[in-house]
């Protein structure tokens, strides 16, 4: 697929996604790498645009340069945003109580603290990025697993073998302490995400290095 066709496909996917107002979103494509520019009115629209791009066949990279411009009447004070974030995290059953701290500066929300599992880290970010007034989220939550798995590699390889979307034979897994490095070839972004999820799902993993390549 040439870049001109790829760009057109991305534009159509953005326009097809009902949660995005794509009127002010610019799209460029070069060698399979898509660049998004322009602006949207909320952070959820920005993340939705990113997900829409990755759904398009032929996308091998993404440069996300969209700016969030909140309508004037929706600009909230940082302390109000912080209080909303604290409240929504307190009600989220996937986030350990008092494990995550919140800091807000000019609408940019930073999460910090320590949790045991990556899905808790992800759940905290997903819980706050939909809040009114948030223009971006920095997820600085650290992982400190409570359970040490003695054979992380074996568990990850077994998980990949069970996954319908993954050609496990073409994926290499290397483990150094609590750091997992995944390499090999995948067909699309969905398969890549499936491999990453399998690595993160094993207790004891604190870092995943993604060296996967897209199959040409």
N, C-alpha and C. Protein backbone atom coordinates (compact mmCIF):
# COMPACT_ATOMS: atom_id res chain seq x y z
N UNK A 1 0.84 -1.19 0.00
CA UNK A 1 0.00 0.00 0.00
C UNK A 1 0.88 1.25 0.00
N UNK A 2 0.59 2.21 -0.91
CA UNK A 2 1.38 3.43 -0.93
C UNK A 2 0.89 4.41 0.14
N UNK A 3 1.71 5.42 0.41
CA UNK A 3 1.39 6.34 1.50
C UNK A 3 0.13 7.15 1.23
N UNK A 4 -0.13 7.47 -0.03
CA UNK A 4 -1.32 8.23 -0.36
C UNK A 4 -2.58 7.46 0.00
N UNK A 5 -2.61 6.17 -0.33
CA UNK A 5 -3.77 5.34 -0.01
C UNK A 5 -3.88 5.13 1.50
N UNK A 6 -2.72 4.94 2.16
CA UNK A 6 -2.73 4.76 3.61
C UNK A 6 -3.31 6.00 4.30
N UNK A 7 -2.88 7.17 3.86
CA UNK A 7 -3.40 8.42 4.44
C UNK A 7 -4.92 8.51 4.27
N UNK A 8 -5.41 8.16 3.08
CA UNK A 8 -6.84 8.23 2.82
C UNK A 8 -7.60 7.25 3.71
N UNK A 9 -7.04 6.05 3.90
CA UNK A 9 -7.69 5.05 4.75
C UNK A 9 -7.77 5.52 6.21
N UNK A 10 -6.71 6.17 6.66
CA UNK A 10 -6.71 6.70 8.03
C UNK A 10 -7.76 7.79 8.19
N UNK A 11 -7.82 8.70 7.22
CA UNK A 11 -8.82 9.78 7.25
C UNK A 11 -10.22 9.20 7.33
N UNK A 12 -10.50 8.20 6.52
CA UNK A 12 -11.82 7.59 6.51
C UNK A 12 -12.13 6.89 7.82
N UNK A 13 -11.13 6.26 8.44
CA UNK A 13 -11.34 5.58 9.72
C UNK A 13 -11.62 6.59 10.82
N UNK A 14 -10.92 7.72 10.80
CA UNK A 14 -11.16 8.77 11.79
C UNK A 14 -12.58 9.35 11.63
N UNK A 15 -12.99 9.55 10.40
CA UNK A 15 -14.33 10.08 10.15
C UNK A 15 -15.41 9.07 10.51
N UNK A 16 -15.07 7.78 10.42
CA UNK A 16 -16.03 6.72 10.72
C UNK A 16 -16.22 6.55 12.23
N UNK A 17 -15.20 6.90 13.02
CA UNK A 17 -15.26 6.72 14.47
C UNK A 17 -16.17 7.80 15.08
N UNK A 18 -17.32 7.40 15.67
CA UNK A 18 -18.30 8.40 16.15
C UNK A 18 -17.82 9.22 17.35
N UNK A 19 -16.82 8.74 18.08
CA UNK A 19 -16.37 9.46 19.27
C UNK A 19 -15.37 10.56 18.96
N UNK A 20 -15.02 10.73 17.68
CA UNK A 20 -14.02 11.71 17.28
C UNK A 20 -14.63 12.77 16.38
N UNK A 21 -14.36 14.05 16.68
CA UNK A 21 -14.66 15.13 15.76
C UNK A 21 -13.39 15.38 14.96
N UNK A 22 -13.33 14.78 13.76
CA UNK A 22 -12.09 14.78 12.98
C UNK A 22 -11.93 16.03 12.10
N UNK A 23 -12.80 17.02 12.28
CA UNK A 23 -12.77 18.19 11.40
C UNK A 23 -11.45 18.94 11.48
N UNK A 24 -10.80 18.92 12.65
CA UNK A 24 -9.57 19.68 12.83
C UNK A 24 -8.36 18.78 13.04
N UNK A 25 -8.45 17.54 12.59
CA UNK A 25 -7.34 16.60 12.71
C UNK A 25 -6.67 16.44 11.36
N UNK A 26 -5.37 16.68 11.31
CA UNK A 26 -4.61 16.51 10.08
C UNK A 26 -3.92 15.16 10.05
N UNK A 27 -3.77 14.59 8.87
CA UNK A 27 -3.15 13.27 8.71
C UNK A 27 -2.08 13.33 7.63
N UNK A 28 -0.91 12.80 7.96
CA UNK A 28 0.17 12.65 6.98
C UNK A 28 0.70 11.23 7.10
N UNK A 29 1.24 10.69 6.00
CA UNK A 29 1.78 9.32 6.00
C UNK A 29 3.05 9.28 5.18
N UNK A 30 4.07 8.63 5.74
CA UNK A 30 5.35 8.48 5.04
C UNK A 30 5.98 7.16 5.45
N UNK A 31 6.16 6.27 4.47
CA UNK A 31 6.79 4.97 4.71
C UNK A 31 6.08 4.16 5.79
N UNK A 32 4.76 4.26 5.84
CA UNK A 32 3.97 3.48 6.80
C UNK A 32 3.82 4.14 8.16
N UNK A 33 4.46 5.29 8.35
CA UNK A 33 4.35 6.01 9.62
C UNK A 33 3.34 7.14 9.46
N UNK A 34 2.32 7.15 10.30
CA UNK A 34 1.25 8.15 10.23
C UNK A 34 1.49 9.23 11.28
N UNK A 35 1.34 10.49 10.88
CA UNK A 35 1.45 11.61 11.81
C UNK A 35 0.09 12.29 11.92
N UNK A 36 -0.40 12.40 13.16
CA UNK A 36 -1.64 13.11 13.42
C UNK A 36 -1.31 14.49 13.97
N UNK A 37 -1.97 15.51 13.47
CA UNK A 37 -1.77 16.88 13.93
C UNK A 37 -3.12 17.54 14.12
N UNK A 38 -3.10 18.85 14.44
CA UNK A 38 -4.36 19.55 14.65
C UNK A 38 -4.78 19.54 16.10
N UNK A 39 -6.09 19.61 16.33
CA UNK A 39 -6.56 19.64 17.72
C UNK A 39 -7.95 19.02 17.85
N UNK A 40 -8.24 18.58 19.07
CA UNK A 40 -9.55 18.04 19.43
C UNK A 40 -9.96 18.69 20.74
N UNK A 41 -11.22 18.48 21.15
CA UNK A 41 -11.74 19.20 22.31
C UNK A 41 -11.65 18.43 23.62
N UNK A 42 -11.10 17.19 23.59
CA UNK A 42 -10.98 16.43 24.83
C UNK A 42 -9.88 15.39 24.71
N UNK A 43 -9.34 14.99 25.85
CA UNK A 43 -8.29 13.97 25.85
C UNK A 43 -8.81 12.61 25.38
N UNK A 44 -10.04 12.19 25.76
CA UNK A 44 -10.56 10.92 25.23
C UNK A 44 -10.61 10.89 23.70
N UNK A 45 -10.89 12.04 23.06
CA UNK A 45 -10.89 12.08 21.60
C UNK A 45 -9.48 11.83 21.06
N UNK A 46 -8.48 12.38 21.75
CA UNK A 46 -7.10 12.19 21.31
C UNK A 46 -6.72 10.71 21.38
N UNK A 47 -7.05 10.03 22.46
CA UNK A 47 -6.71 8.61 22.58
C UNK A 47 -7.54 7.77 21.62
N UNK A 48 -8.78 8.17 21.37
CA UNK A 48 -9.62 7.44 20.42
C UNK A 48 -9.05 7.55 19.01
N UNK A 49 -8.51 8.71 18.67
CA UNK A 49 -7.90 8.91 17.35
C UNK A 49 -6.69 7.99 17.20
N UNK A 50 -5.91 7.87 18.26
CA UNK A 50 -4.74 6.99 18.21
C UNK A 50 -5.16 5.54 17.99
N UNK A 51 -6.19 5.09 18.71
CA UNK A 51 -6.66 3.71 18.54
C UNK A 51 -7.20 3.48 17.13
N UNK A 52 -7.87 4.49 16.59
CA UNK A 52 -8.43 4.36 15.24
C UNK A 52 -7.33 4.18 14.20
N UNK A 53 -6.23 4.92 14.36
CA UNK A 53 -5.12 4.81 13.42
C UNK A 53 -4.55 3.40 13.43
N UNK A 54 -4.36 2.84 14.62
CA UNK A 54 -3.77 1.50 14.71
C UNK A 54 -4.66 0.42 14.15
N UNK A 55 -5.94 0.72 13.98
CA UNK A 55 -6.85 -0.27 13.37
C UNK A 55 -6.66 -0.38 11.86
N UNK A 56 -6.01 0.61 11.27
CA UNK A 56 -5.87 0.66 9.81
C UNK A 56 -4.72 -0.24 9.36
N UNK A 57 -5.01 -1.11 8.43
CA UNK A 57 -3.99 -2.01 7.89
C UNK A 57 -2.89 -1.22 7.19
N UNK A 58 -1.65 -1.60 7.47
CA UNK A 58 -0.51 -0.95 6.82
C UNK A 58 0.20 0.08 7.69
N UNK A 59 -0.41 0.45 8.84
CA UNK A 59 0.22 1.41 9.74
C UNK A 59 1.32 0.70 10.53
N UNK A 60 2.53 1.23 10.43
CA UNK A 60 3.67 0.64 11.12
C UNK A 60 4.24 1.53 12.22
N UNK A 61 3.81 2.77 12.25
CA UNK A 61 4.26 3.69 13.27
C UNK A 61 3.31 4.87 13.36
N UNK A 62 3.33 5.54 14.51
CA UNK A 62 2.42 6.67 14.72
C UNK A 62 3.13 7.78 15.47
N UNK A 63 3.06 9.00 14.94
CA UNK A 63 3.52 10.19 15.63
C UNK A 63 2.28 10.98 16.03
N UNK A 64 2.04 11.08 17.33
CA UNK A 64 0.81 11.69 17.85
C UNK A 64 1.10 13.13 18.25
N UNK A 65 0.66 14.09 17.42
CA UNK A 65 0.93 15.50 17.67
C UNK A 65 -0.36 16.30 17.84
N UNK A 66 -1.46 15.60 18.11
CA UNK A 66 -2.74 16.29 18.31
C UNK A 66 -2.71 17.06 19.63
N UNK A 67 -3.22 18.27 19.61
CA UNK A 67 -3.31 19.11 20.81
C UNK A 67 -4.74 19.07 21.34
N UNK A 68 -4.88 19.01 22.65
CA UNK A 68 -6.20 19.08 23.28
C UNK A 68 -6.51 20.54 23.61
N UNK A 69 -7.56 21.07 23.01
CA UNK A 69 -7.98 22.44 23.28
C UNK A 69 -9.38 22.41 23.89
N UNK A 70 -9.43 22.56 25.19
CA UNK A 70 -10.72 22.52 25.88
C UNK A 70 -11.50 23.80 25.60
N UNK A 71 -12.80 23.67 25.37
CA UNK A 71 -13.63 24.88 25.24
C UNK A 71 -13.48 25.73 26.49
N UNK A 72 -13.53 27.07 26.33
CA UNK A 72 -13.29 27.97 27.44
C UNK A 72 -14.11 27.68 28.68
N UNK A 73 -15.37 27.32 28.52
CA UNK A 73 -16.23 27.12 29.68
C UNK A 73 -15.96 25.78 30.37
N UNK A 74 -15.12 24.95 29.75
CA UNK A 74 -14.83 23.65 30.35
C UNK A 74 -13.46 23.61 31.04
N UNK A 75 -12.76 24.74 31.07
CA UNK A 75 -11.46 24.76 31.71
C UNK A 75 -11.64 24.75 33.22
N UNK A 76 -11.21 23.70 33.85
CA UNK A 76 -11.39 23.53 35.28
C UNK A 76 -10.09 23.81 36.02
N UNK A 77 -10.23 24.24 37.28
CA UNK A 77 -9.06 24.46 38.12
C UNK A 77 -8.38 23.13 38.40
N UNK A 78 -7.05 23.18 38.53
CA UNK A 78 -6.29 21.95 38.75
C UNK A 78 -6.71 21.23 40.02
N UNK A 79 -7.05 21.99 41.07
CA UNK A 79 -7.44 21.34 42.32
C UNK A 79 -8.76 20.58 42.16
N UNK A 80 -9.66 21.10 41.31
CA UNK A 80 -10.92 20.40 41.06
C UNK A 80 -10.68 19.10 40.30
N UNK A 81 -9.79 19.17 39.30
CA UNK A 81 -9.46 17.96 38.54
C UNK A 81 -8.82 16.93 39.44
N UNK A 82 -7.90 17.38 40.31
CA UNK A 82 -7.22 16.46 41.21
C UNK A 82 -8.21 15.78 42.15
N UNK A 83 -9.18 16.54 42.66
CA UNK A 83 -10.15 15.95 43.58
C UNK A 83 -11.03 14.92 42.86
N UNK A 84 -11.41 15.23 41.61
CA UNK A 84 -12.20 14.25 40.84
C UNK A 84 -11.40 12.97 40.62
N UNK A 85 -10.10 13.13 40.31
CA UNK A 85 -9.26 11.96 40.07
C UNK A 85 -9.13 11.11 41.33
N UNK A 86 -8.91 11.75 42.46
CA UNK A 86 -8.81 11.02 43.73
C UNK A 86 -10.11 10.26 44.01
N UNK A 87 -11.24 10.89 43.75
CA UNK A 87 -12.53 10.25 44.01
C UNK A 87 -12.76 9.04 43.11
N UNK A 88 -12.46 9.21 41.81
CA UNK A 88 -12.72 8.11 40.87
C UNK A 88 -11.79 6.93 41.13
N UNK A 89 -10.56 7.20 41.56
CA UNK A 89 -9.64 6.12 41.90
C UNK A 89 -10.09 5.39 43.16
N UNK A 90 -10.65 6.13 44.10
CA UNK A 90 -11.11 5.52 45.34
C UNK A 90 -12.26 4.54 45.10
N UNK A 91 -13.04 4.80 44.05
CA UNK A 91 -14.18 3.94 43.75
C UNK A 91 -13.83 2.81 42.79
N UNK A 92 -12.64 2.82 42.25
CA UNK A 92 -12.25 1.81 41.27
C UNK A 92 -11.73 0.56 41.99
N UNK A 93 -12.41 -0.56 41.79
CA UNK A 93 -12.06 -1.80 42.50
C UNK A 93 -10.76 -2.42 42.02
N UNK A 94 -10.27 -2.02 40.84
CA UNK A 94 -9.03 -2.59 40.31
C UNK A 94 -7.78 -1.88 40.82
N UNK A 95 -7.97 -0.70 41.42
CA UNK A 95 -6.83 0.09 41.90
C UNK A 95 -6.74 -0.04 43.42
N UNK A 96 -5.62 -0.54 43.94
CA UNK A 96 -5.48 -0.70 45.39
C UNK A 96 -5.67 0.63 46.13
N UNK A 97 -6.34 0.56 47.27
CA UNK A 97 -6.66 1.76 48.04
C UNK A 97 -5.39 2.50 48.48
N UNK A 98 -5.35 3.79 48.23
CA UNK A 98 -4.24 4.66 48.63
C UNK A 98 -2.90 4.30 48.00
N UNK A 99 -2.92 3.52 46.91
CA UNK A 99 -1.66 3.13 46.27
C UNK A 99 -1.20 4.14 45.22
N UNK A 100 -2.13 4.97 44.72
CA UNK A 100 -1.82 5.88 43.62
C UNK A 100 -1.99 7.33 44.06
N UNK A 101 -1.00 8.16 43.74
CA UNK A 101 -1.06 9.59 44.05
C UNK A 101 -1.34 10.38 42.78
N UNK A 102 -1.93 11.54 42.94
CA UNK A 102 -2.37 12.36 41.80
C UNK A 102 -1.76 13.76 41.91
N UNK A 103 -1.24 14.25 40.76
CA UNK A 103 -0.74 15.62 40.68
C UNK A 103 -1.25 16.23 39.38
N UNK A 104 -1.73 17.46 39.42
CA UNK A 104 -2.29 18.11 38.23
C UNK A 104 -1.63 19.47 38.04
N UNK A 105 -1.23 19.75 36.82
CA UNK A 105 -0.66 21.05 36.47
C UNK A 105 -1.15 21.47 35.10
N UNK A 106 -1.94 22.53 35.06
CA UNK A 106 -2.50 23.07 33.81
C UNK A 106 -3.24 22.00 33.02
N UNK A 107 -3.98 21.16 33.72
CA UNK A 107 -4.79 20.13 33.08
C UNK A 107 -4.07 18.83 32.82
N UNK A 108 -2.73 18.83 32.95
CA UNK A 108 -1.95 17.60 32.77
C UNK A 108 -1.91 16.84 34.09
N UNK A 109 -2.38 15.62 34.08
CA UNK A 109 -2.52 14.82 35.28
C UNK A 109 -1.41 13.77 35.35
N UNK A 110 -0.69 13.74 36.46
CA UNK A 110 0.40 12.78 36.65
C UNK A 110 0.02 11.79 37.74
N UNK A 111 0.11 10.51 37.44
CA UNK A 111 -0.14 9.45 38.40
C UNK A 111 1.19 8.89 38.87
N UNK A 112 1.33 8.69 40.18
CA UNK A 112 2.53 8.08 40.73
C UNK A 112 2.13 7.12 41.83
N UNK A 113 3.12 6.41 42.39
CA UNK A 113 2.84 5.42 43.42
C UNK A 113 3.34 4.05 43.00
N UNK A 114 2.90 3.03 43.69
CA UNK A 114 3.36 1.67 43.44
C UNK A 114 2.20 0.69 43.52
N UNK A 115 2.11 -0.19 42.52
CA UNK A 115 1.11 -1.26 42.53
C UNK A 115 1.80 -2.58 42.20
N UNK A 116 1.09 -3.68 42.42
CA UNK A 116 1.69 -5.00 42.23
C UNK A 116 1.62 -5.50 40.80
N UNK A 117 0.58 -5.07 40.07
CA UNK A 117 0.34 -5.64 38.74
C UNK A 117 0.17 -4.55 37.70
N UNK A 118 0.55 -4.86 36.45
CA UNK A 118 0.42 -3.88 35.38
C UNK A 118 -1.03 -3.54 35.08
N UNK A 119 -1.95 -4.50 35.23
CA UNK A 119 -3.36 -4.20 34.93
C UNK A 119 -3.91 -3.16 35.92
N UNK A 120 -3.36 -3.10 37.14
CA UNK A 120 -3.76 -2.07 38.09
C UNK A 120 -3.24 -0.71 37.65
N UNK A 121 -2.04 -0.70 37.14
CA UNK A 121 -1.44 0.54 36.61
C UNK A 121 -2.26 1.07 35.44
N UNK A 122 -2.66 0.17 34.54
CA UNK A 122 -3.46 0.55 33.37
C UNK A 122 -4.84 1.01 33.78
N UNK A 123 -5.45 0.32 34.75
CA UNK A 123 -6.79 0.67 35.22
C UNK A 123 -6.83 2.07 35.80
N UNK A 124 -5.76 2.45 36.53
CA UNK A 124 -5.72 3.79 37.11
C UNK A 124 -5.72 4.86 36.02
N UNK A 125 -4.93 4.64 34.96
CA UNK A 125 -4.89 5.61 33.87
C UNK A 125 -6.22 5.69 33.15
N UNK A 126 -6.83 4.54 32.87
CA UNK A 126 -8.11 4.53 32.17
C UNK A 126 -9.20 5.21 32.98
N UNK A 127 -9.10 5.14 34.31
CA UNK A 127 -10.12 5.73 35.17
C UNK A 127 -10.10 7.24 35.13
N UNK A 128 -8.92 7.85 34.99
CA UNK A 128 -8.83 9.32 35.10
C UNK A 128 -8.80 10.04 33.76
N UNK A 129 -8.47 9.35 32.67
CA UNK A 129 -8.30 10.08 31.42
C UNK A 129 -9.62 10.55 30.81
N UNK A 130 -10.75 10.04 31.32
CA UNK A 130 -12.04 10.49 30.81
C UNK A 130 -12.57 11.70 31.57
N UNK A 131 -11.88 12.15 32.61
CA UNK A 131 -12.38 13.23 33.43
C UNK A 131 -12.40 14.57 32.69
N UNK A 132 -13.43 15.35 32.93
CA UNK A 132 -13.52 16.68 32.33
C UNK A 132 -12.37 17.56 32.80
N UNK A 133 -11.75 18.25 31.87
CA UNK A 133 -10.67 19.16 32.20
C UNK A 133 -9.29 18.58 32.00
N UNK A 134 -9.18 17.26 31.87
CA UNK A 134 -7.89 16.61 31.68
C UNK A 134 -7.45 16.76 30.23
N UNK A 135 -6.23 17.28 30.02
CA UNK A 135 -5.71 17.42 28.65
C UNK A 135 -4.65 16.38 28.34
N UNK A 136 -4.18 15.65 29.34
CA UNK A 136 -3.20 14.59 29.12
C UNK A 136 -2.89 13.89 30.42
N UNK A 137 -2.36 12.66 30.31
CA UNK A 137 -2.04 11.86 31.49
C UNK A 137 -0.62 11.33 31.39
N UNK A 138 0.17 11.54 32.43
CA UNK A 138 1.48 10.91 32.57
C UNK A 138 1.34 9.78 33.59
N UNK A 139 1.58 8.56 33.16
CA UNK A 139 1.46 7.42 34.06
C UNK A 139 2.85 7.04 34.56
N UNK A 140 3.18 7.47 35.78
CA UNK A 140 4.49 7.19 36.38
C UNK A 140 4.37 6.18 37.52
N UNK A 141 3.29 5.43 37.54
CA UNK A 141 3.10 4.41 38.57
C UNK A 141 4.12 3.30 38.37
N UNK A 142 4.78 2.90 39.43
CA UNK A 142 5.79 1.86 39.36
C UNK A 142 5.20 0.51 39.76
N UNK A 143 5.86 -0.54 39.28
CA UNK A 143 5.43 -1.90 39.60
C UNK A 143 6.37 -2.51 40.64
N UNK A 144 5.79 -3.07 41.67
CA UNK A 144 6.56 -3.78 42.70
C UNK A 144 5.81 -5.07 43.01
N UNK A 145 5.96 -6.08 42.15
CA UNK A 145 5.20 -7.32 42.32
C UNK A 145 5.42 -7.95 43.69
N UNK A 146 4.34 -8.43 44.27
CA UNK A 146 4.41 -9.08 45.57
C UNK A 146 4.79 -10.56 45.45
N UNK A 147 4.60 -11.11 44.25
CA UNK A 147 4.87 -12.53 44.04
C UNK A 147 6.02 -12.68 43.05
N UNK A 148 7.03 -13.43 43.42
CA UNK A 148 8.17 -13.67 42.55
C UNK A 148 7.97 -14.98 41.79
N UNK A 149 7.87 -14.91 40.48
CA UNK A 149 7.67 -16.11 39.67
C UNK A 149 9.04 -16.66 39.26
N UNK A 150 9.29 -17.92 39.55
CA UNK A 150 10.61 -18.51 39.30
C UNK A 150 10.86 -18.80 37.82
N UNK A 151 9.80 -19.11 37.10
CA UNK A 151 10.01 -19.42 35.68
C UNK A 151 9.09 -18.56 34.83
N UNK A 152 9.44 -17.26 34.75
CA UNK A 152 8.62 -16.32 34.01
C UNK A 152 8.55 -16.70 32.53
N UNK A 153 9.69 -17.06 31.95
CA UNK A 153 9.73 -17.36 30.52
C UNK A 153 8.78 -18.49 30.17
N UNK A 154 8.78 -19.55 30.94
CA UNK A 154 7.93 -20.70 30.63
C UNK A 154 6.46 -20.31 30.65
N UNK A 155 6.08 -19.50 31.61
CA UNK A 155 4.68 -19.08 31.70
C UNK A 155 4.27 -18.19 30.53
N UNK A 156 5.18 -17.29 30.11
CA UNK A 156 4.86 -16.41 28.98
C UNK A 156 4.75 -17.22 27.69
N UNK A 157 5.71 -18.11 27.45
CA UNK A 157 5.68 -18.94 26.25
C UNK A 157 4.41 -19.78 26.20
N UNK A 158 4.00 -20.32 27.35
CA UNK A 158 2.77 -21.12 27.40
C UNK A 158 1.56 -20.25 27.09
N UNK A 159 1.55 -19.02 27.60
CA UNK A 159 0.43 -18.12 27.34
C UNK A 159 0.34 -17.76 25.86
N UNK A 160 1.50 -17.52 25.23
CA UNK A 160 1.51 -17.20 23.80
C UNK A 160 0.99 -18.38 22.98
N UNK A 161 1.34 -19.59 23.39
CA UNK A 161 0.88 -20.78 22.68
C UNK A 161 -0.62 -20.96 22.74
N UNK A 162 -1.25 -20.44 23.79
CA UNK A 162 -2.71 -20.57 23.92
C UNK A 162 -3.46 -19.48 23.18
N UNK A 163 -2.78 -18.43 22.76
CA UNK A 163 -3.44 -17.26 22.20
C UNK A 163 -3.70 -17.45 20.70
N UNK A 164 -4.95 -17.31 20.31
CA UNK A 164 -5.34 -17.55 18.91
C UNK A 164 -4.75 -16.53 17.95
N UNK A 165 -4.48 -15.30 18.42
CA UNK A 165 -4.01 -14.23 17.53
C UNK A 165 -2.50 -14.27 17.30
N UNK A 166 -1.79 -15.10 18.04
CA UNK A 166 -0.34 -15.03 18.03
C UNK A 166 0.28 -16.28 17.42
N UNK A 167 1.25 -16.07 16.49
CA UNK A 167 2.07 -17.17 15.99
C UNK A 167 3.26 -17.33 16.94
N UNK A 168 3.06 -18.15 17.98
CA UNK A 168 4.03 -18.23 19.07
C UNK A 168 5.41 -18.67 18.60
N UNK A 169 5.46 -19.48 17.55
CA UNK A 169 6.75 -20.00 17.08
C UNK A 169 7.65 -18.89 16.55
N UNK A 170 7.07 -17.75 16.20
CA UNK A 170 7.86 -16.65 15.63
C UNK A 170 8.19 -15.57 16.65
N UNK A 171 7.90 -15.86 17.93
CA UNK A 171 8.16 -14.90 18.99
C UNK A 171 9.25 -15.45 19.92
N UNK A 172 10.26 -14.63 20.20
CA UNK A 172 11.33 -15.00 21.13
C UNK A 172 11.13 -14.25 22.44
N UNK A 173 11.33 -14.97 23.55
CA UNK A 173 11.17 -14.38 24.88
C UNK A 173 12.46 -14.56 25.67
N UNK A 174 13.04 -13.46 26.13
CA UNK A 174 14.24 -13.50 26.96
C UNK A 174 13.93 -12.83 28.29
N UNK A 175 14.40 -13.44 29.38
CA UNK A 175 14.12 -12.93 30.72
C UNK A 175 15.43 -12.65 31.44
N UNK A 176 15.55 -11.43 31.96
CA UNK A 176 16.70 -11.04 32.76
C UNK A 176 16.17 -10.46 34.07
N UNK A 177 16.15 -11.30 35.10
CA UNK A 177 15.55 -10.87 36.36
C UNK A 177 14.06 -10.66 36.19
N UNK A 178 13.61 -9.43 36.41
CA UNK A 178 12.19 -9.11 36.26
C UNK A 178 11.91 -8.39 34.95
N UNK A 179 12.91 -8.33 34.05
CA UNK A 179 12.75 -7.66 32.76
C UNK A 179 12.58 -8.70 31.66
N UNK A 180 11.53 -8.55 30.87
CA UNK A 180 11.24 -9.46 29.77
C UNK A 180 11.44 -8.73 28.45
N UNK A 181 12.21 -9.34 27.55
CA UNK A 181 12.40 -8.79 26.21
C UNK A 181 11.72 -9.70 25.19
N UNK A 182 10.81 -9.13 24.42
CA UNK A 182 10.10 -9.89 23.39
C UNK A 182 10.58 -9.43 22.02
N UNK A 183 10.88 -10.36 21.15
CA UNK A 183 11.35 -10.04 19.80
C UNK A 183 10.75 -11.04 18.83
N UNK A 184 10.98 -10.79 17.54
CA UNK A 184 10.39 -11.63 16.51
C UNK A 184 9.52 -10.81 15.59
N UNK A 185 8.63 -11.47 14.85
CA UNK A 185 7.80 -10.79 13.86
C UNK A 185 6.32 -11.00 14.13
N UNK A 186 5.53 -9.95 13.89
CA UNK A 186 4.08 -10.02 14.00
C UNK A 186 3.45 -9.45 12.74
N UNK A 187 2.19 -9.79 12.50
CA UNK A 187 1.51 -9.34 11.28
C UNK A 187 0.86 -7.97 11.43
N UNK A 188 0.42 -7.63 12.65
CA UNK A 188 -0.34 -6.39 12.82
C UNK A 188 -0.24 -5.90 14.27
N UNK A 189 -0.82 -4.73 14.51
CA UNK A 189 -0.73 -4.12 15.83
C UNK A 189 -1.49 -4.94 16.87
N UNK A 190 -2.62 -5.56 16.48
CA UNK A 190 -3.38 -6.38 17.42
C UNK A 190 -2.56 -7.55 17.94
N UNK A 191 -1.81 -8.20 17.05
CA UNK A 191 -0.96 -9.31 17.47
C UNK A 191 0.15 -8.81 18.39
N UNK A 192 0.69 -7.65 18.08
CA UNK A 192 1.75 -7.07 18.91
C UNK A 192 1.24 -6.80 20.33
N UNK A 193 0.05 -6.23 20.43
CA UNK A 193 -0.52 -5.95 21.74
C UNK A 193 -0.81 -7.23 22.50
N UNK A 194 -1.23 -8.28 21.78
CA UNK A 194 -1.51 -9.56 22.43
C UNK A 194 -0.25 -10.15 23.05
N UNK A 195 0.87 -10.02 22.35
CA UNK A 195 2.14 -10.53 22.88
C UNK A 195 2.54 -9.73 24.12
N UNK A 196 2.40 -8.41 24.07
CA UNK A 196 2.74 -7.57 25.21
C UNK A 196 1.87 -7.91 26.42
N UNK A 197 0.57 -8.09 26.18
CA UNK A 197 -0.33 -8.44 27.29
C UNK A 197 0.07 -9.76 27.93
N UNK A 198 0.47 -10.72 27.11
CA UNK A 198 0.88 -12.02 27.65
C UNK A 198 2.10 -11.87 28.55
N UNK A 199 3.03 -11.00 28.17
CA UNK A 199 4.23 -10.79 28.97
C UNK A 199 3.89 -10.10 30.29
N UNK A 200 3.04 -9.08 30.22
CA UNK A 200 2.68 -8.34 31.42
C UNK A 200 1.81 -9.14 32.38
N UNK A 201 1.11 -10.15 31.87
CA UNK A 201 0.16 -10.89 32.68
C UNK A 201 0.82 -11.82 33.69
N UNK A 202 2.11 -12.05 33.56
CA UNK A 202 2.82 -12.97 34.45
C UNK A 202 3.33 -12.22 35.68
N UNK A 203 3.03 -12.74 36.85
CA UNK A 203 3.49 -12.13 38.09
C UNK A 203 5.00 -12.12 38.16
N UNK A 204 5.58 -11.03 38.66
CA UNK A 204 7.02 -10.91 38.76
C UNK A 204 7.64 -10.05 37.69
N UNK A 205 6.90 -9.77 36.62
CA UNK A 205 7.42 -8.94 35.53
C UNK A 205 7.29 -7.46 35.91
N UNK A 206 8.41 -6.75 35.86
CA UNK A 206 8.41 -5.33 36.18
C UNK A 206 8.65 -4.45 34.96
N UNK A 207 9.20 -5.03 33.90
CA UNK A 207 9.47 -4.24 32.70
C UNK A 207 9.40 -5.14 31.47
N UNK A 208 8.81 -4.65 30.40
CA UNK A 208 8.74 -5.38 29.13
C UNK A 208 9.39 -4.53 28.05
N UNK A 209 10.42 -5.09 27.41
CA UNK A 209 11.10 -4.41 26.29
C UNK A 209 10.55 -5.01 25.00
N UNK A 210 9.92 -4.18 24.19
CA UNK A 210 9.27 -4.63 22.97
C UNK A 210 10.19 -4.39 21.77
N UNK A 211 10.80 -5.49 21.27
CA UNK A 211 11.63 -5.42 20.07
C UNK A 211 10.96 -6.10 18.88
N UNK A 212 9.65 -6.22 18.94
CA UNK A 212 8.91 -6.88 17.86
C UNK A 212 8.97 -6.06 16.58
N UNK A 213 8.99 -6.76 15.43
CA UNK A 213 8.98 -6.11 14.12
C UNK A 213 7.73 -6.54 13.37
N UNK A 214 7.26 -5.68 12.51
CA UNK A 214 6.14 -6.04 11.63
C UNK A 214 6.65 -6.82 10.44
N UNK A 215 5.99 -7.93 10.14
CA UNK A 215 6.40 -8.78 9.04
C UNK A 215 6.16 -8.05 7.72
N UNK A 216 7.17 -8.02 6.88
CA UNK A 216 7.09 -7.33 5.61
C UNK A 216 6.39 -8.22 4.58
